[in-house]
Amino acid sequence: MMNISAYRADYLPLLGQLINQMKLPQRNKTKQYTISIQAAFDLKQIMFGTATSSDGIPILGEVMSGNTSDMKFNNGWIKKVRQALQKSDDDFLLYTADSAAVTEDNLKLFKEYYVDMISRLPERYGLAEELINQAIMDGNWMEIGTLGEGKKAAAYKSIGFEREL
């Protein structure tokens, strides 16, 4: 196996639809057709789970049912990621995930498998509202920059707090 000099694994769930099952209307020069995802509720959905190294090299991948819970999906990957990267418990490992990874069970697993995690605290935790209010009042934001170019490019800022749940 290739030696990957990574200290971070990013988890990204992607929900895809098998649109090749749709019968699309013929397009003509005067009309364009769009299809609403809500109107395609009967199509089979799949979820792609991917983890990459800090260099963007894929290290894990899995295709699952579109009904798979992000919260439970992370649970299995927390156990696999250190092994996939061939990192010992002493090696620093940062797992970046969306807020679905922040559950009581997953937080216990991050601790058990010596994995640091970065995410946004979901609002299902009462502490989230308190921290949002503190962030607004504090105003001590760090500029991250933009992801894109032009006048409409989104600009990002960050602020961090440590609290016990």
Protein backbone atom coordinates (compact mmCIF):
# COMPACT_ATOMS: atom_id res chain seq x y z
CA MET A 1 0.00 0.00 0.00
CA MET A 2 1.15 3.52 -0.79
CA ASN A 3 2.44 5.51 2.16
CA ILE A 4 0.14 8.51 2.48
CA SER A 5 1.54 11.34 4.56
CA ALA A 6 -1.84 12.46 5.80
CA TYR A 7 -2.97 13.71 9.13
CA ARG A 8 -6.52 14.47 8.16
CA ALA A 9 -9.49 12.61 6.71
CA ASP A 10 -12.39 14.51 5.24
CA TYR A 11 -15.73 12.74 5.10
CA LEU A 12 -18.21 13.88 2.51
CA PRO A 13 -21.60 12.28 1.99
CA LEU A 14 -23.08 12.89 -1.44
CA LEU A 15 -26.62 12.06 -2.34
CA GLY A 16 -27.12 11.12 -5.95
CA GLN A 17 -30.15 10.13 -7.97
CA LEU A 18 -30.30 7.57 -10.70
CA ILE A 19 -31.82 9.90 -13.26
CA ASN A 20 -31.25 7.55 -16.17
CA GLN A 21 -34.55 5.94 -15.16
CA MET A 22 -36.43 9.15 -16.00
CA LYS A 23 -38.17 9.67 -19.28
CA LEU A 24 -37.24 13.23 -20.17
CA PRO A 25 -39.34 15.23 -22.61
CA GLN A 26 -37.77 16.06 -25.95
CA ARG A 27 -36.09 19.46 -25.93
CA ASN A 28 -36.84 21.92 -28.67
CA LYS A 29 -35.50 25.33 -29.57
CA THR A 30 -38.23 27.28 -27.81
CA LYS A 31 -38.62 25.44 -24.49
CA GLN A 32 -36.28 24.22 -21.82
CA TYR A 33 -37.31 21.58 -19.32
CA THR A 34 -36.13 21.24 -15.76
CA ILE A 35 -36.93 18.47 -13.33
CA SER A 36 -37.53 19.17 -9.68
CA ILE A 37 -35.90 16.76 -7.24
CA GLN A 38 -39.17 16.80 -5.28
CA ALA A 39 -40.98 15.59 -8.40
CA ALA A 40 -38.54 12.70 -8.70
CA PHE A 41 -39.25 11.19 -5.28
CA ASP A 42 -39.91 7.76 -6.76
CA LEU A 43 -36.36 7.41 -8.12
CA LYS A 44 -33.84 5.27 -6.33
CA GLN A 45 -31.34 7.33 -4.36
CA ILE A 46 -27.81 6.38 -3.42
CA MET A 47 -25.27 7.90 -1.08
CA PHE A 48 -21.55 8.00 -1.77
CA GLY A 49 -19.35 8.16 1.31
CA THR A 50 -15.83 9.30 0.55
CA ALA A 51 -12.83 10.03 2.72
CA THR A 52 -9.73 11.74 1.40
CA SER A 53 -6.32 12.50 2.78
CA SER A 54 -5.24 16.09 3.38
CA ASP A 55 -3.79 15.95 -0.14
CA GLY A 56 -7.15 14.97 -1.63
CA ILE A 57 -6.18 11.34 -2.20
CA PRO A 58 -9.18 9.01 -1.76
CA ILE A 59 -8.58 6.59 1.09
CA LEU A 60 -12.04 5.13 1.69
CA GLY A 61 -15.18 4.89 -0.36
CA GLU A 62 -18.54 3.27 0.03
CA VAL A 63 -21.85 3.32 -1.85
CA MET A 64 -24.98 2.94 0.26
CA SER A 65 -28.72 3.31 0.13
CA GLY A 66 -29.92 6.91 -0.08
CA ASN A 67 -31.79 6.23 3.17
CA THR A 68 -28.56 5.71 5.11
CA SER A 69 -28.32 8.06 8.09
CA ASP A 70 -25.29 10.39 8.00
CA MET A 71 -25.20 10.17 11.78
CA LYS A 72 -24.83 6.38 11.76
CA PHE A 73 -22.61 6.29 8.67
CA ASN A 74 -19.87 8.29 10.40
CA ASN A 75 -19.92 5.78 13.23
CA GLY A 76 -18.39 3.01 11.11
CA TRP A 77 -15.89 5.27 9.42
CA ILE A 78 -14.48 6.61 12.66
CA LYS A 79 -13.40 3.03 13.37
CA LYS A 80 -11.91 2.52 9.88
CA VAL A 81 -10.10 5.76 9.11
CA ARG A 82 -7.04 5.32 11.36
CA GLN A 83 -6.46 1.82 9.98
CA ALA A 84 -6.93 2.99 6.37
CA LEU A 85 -4.31 5.70 6.86
CA GLN A 86 -2.03 3.25 8.70
CA LYS A 87 -1.72 5.62 11.64
CA SER A 88 -0.92 4.55 15.18
CA ASP A 89 -2.84 5.87 18.17
CA ASP A 90 0.04 8.30 18.82
CA ASP A 91 -0.25 9.92 15.37
CA PHE A 92 -2.37 13.07 15.13
CA LEU A 93 -5.47 12.50 13.00
CA LEU A 94 -8.09 15.13 12.21
CA TYR A 95 -11.52 14.06 10.94
CA THR A 96 -13.46 16.84 9.20
CA ALA A 97 -17.16 16.21 8.80
CA ASP A 98 -20.51 17.93 8.57
CA SER A 99 -22.62 18.40 11.68
CA ALA A 100 -24.31 15.00 11.26
CA ALA A 101 -21.12 13.49 12.72
CA VAL A 102 -21.73 15.25 16.04
CA THR A 103 -23.67 12.68 18.05
CA GLU A 104 -23.10 11.35 21.53
CA ASP A 105 -22.11 7.92 20.17
CA ASN A 106 -19.72 9.38 17.59
CA LEU A 107 -18.09 11.71 20.11
CA LYS A 108 -17.36 8.67 22.31
CA LEU A 109 -15.86 6.86 19.30
CA PHE A 110 -13.66 9.83 18.40
CA LYS A 111 -12.26 9.69 21.92
CA GLU A 112 -11.91 5.88 21.92
CA TYR A 113 -10.08 5.82 18.56
CA TYR A 114 -7.92 8.90 19.30
CA VAL A 115 -9.34 10.95 16.45
CA ASP A 116 -9.68 14.74 16.66
CA MET A 117 -12.75 16.05 14.89
CA ILE A 118 -13.73 19.42 13.50
CA SER A 119 -17.30 20.27 12.61
CA ARG A 120 -20.11 22.70 13.28
CA LEU A 121 -22.15 22.11 16.42
CA PRO A 122 -25.67 21.23 15.26
CA GLU A 123 -28.59 23.14 16.68
CA ARG A 124 -30.08 19.97 18.15
CA TYR A 125 -27.71 20.74 21.04
CA GLY A 126 -28.96 23.58 23.22
CA LEU A 127 -25.41 24.89 23.56
CA ALA A 128 -25.38 25.81 19.84
CA GLU A 129 -27.72 28.77 20.30
CA GLU A 130 -25.64 30.07 23.21
CA LEU A 131 -22.44 29.86 21.15
CA ILE A 132 -24.05 31.50 18.11
CA ASN A 133 -25.14 34.41 20.29
CA GLN A 134 -21.66 34.65 21.82
CA ALA A 135 -20.06 34.63 18.36
CA ILE A 136 -22.32 37.48 17.23
CA MET A 137 -21.58 39.52 20.37
CA ASP A 138 -17.84 38.73 20.41
CA GLY A 139 -17.14 39.76 16.82
CA ASN A 140 -13.59 38.38 17.00
CA TRP A 141 -13.85 36.55 13.67
CA MET A 142 -10.93 35.23 11.64
CA GLU A 143 -11.14 35.90 7.90
CA ILE A 144 -10.82 32.67 5.92
CA GLY A 145 -11.35 34.07 2.44
CA THR A 146 -13.51 33.27 -0.55
CA LEU A 147 -14.18 30.08 -2.42
CA GLY A 148 -14.51 31.40 -5.92
CA GLU A 149 -14.08 34.59 -7.82
CA GLY A 150 -16.27 37.53 -8.70
CA LYS A 151 -18.64 39.84 -6.86
CA LYS A 152 -20.95 37.04 -5.77
CA ALA A 153 -18.23 34.74 -4.35
CA ALA A 154 -19.07 33.62 -0.82
CA ALA A 155 -16.73 34.98 1.85
CA TYR A 156 -16.02 32.88 4.92
CA LYS A 157 -15.11 33.77 8.49
CA SER A 158 -14.52 31.54 11.47
CA ILE A 159 -14.70 31.74 15.22
CA GLY A 160 -14.11 28.93 17.67
CA PHE A 161 -15.06 28.17 21.24
CA GLU A 162 -14.40 25.24 23.54
CA ARG A 163 -17.22 24.14 25.80
CA GLU A 164 -18.21 20.87 27.39
CA LEU A 165 -21.47 19.36 26.16
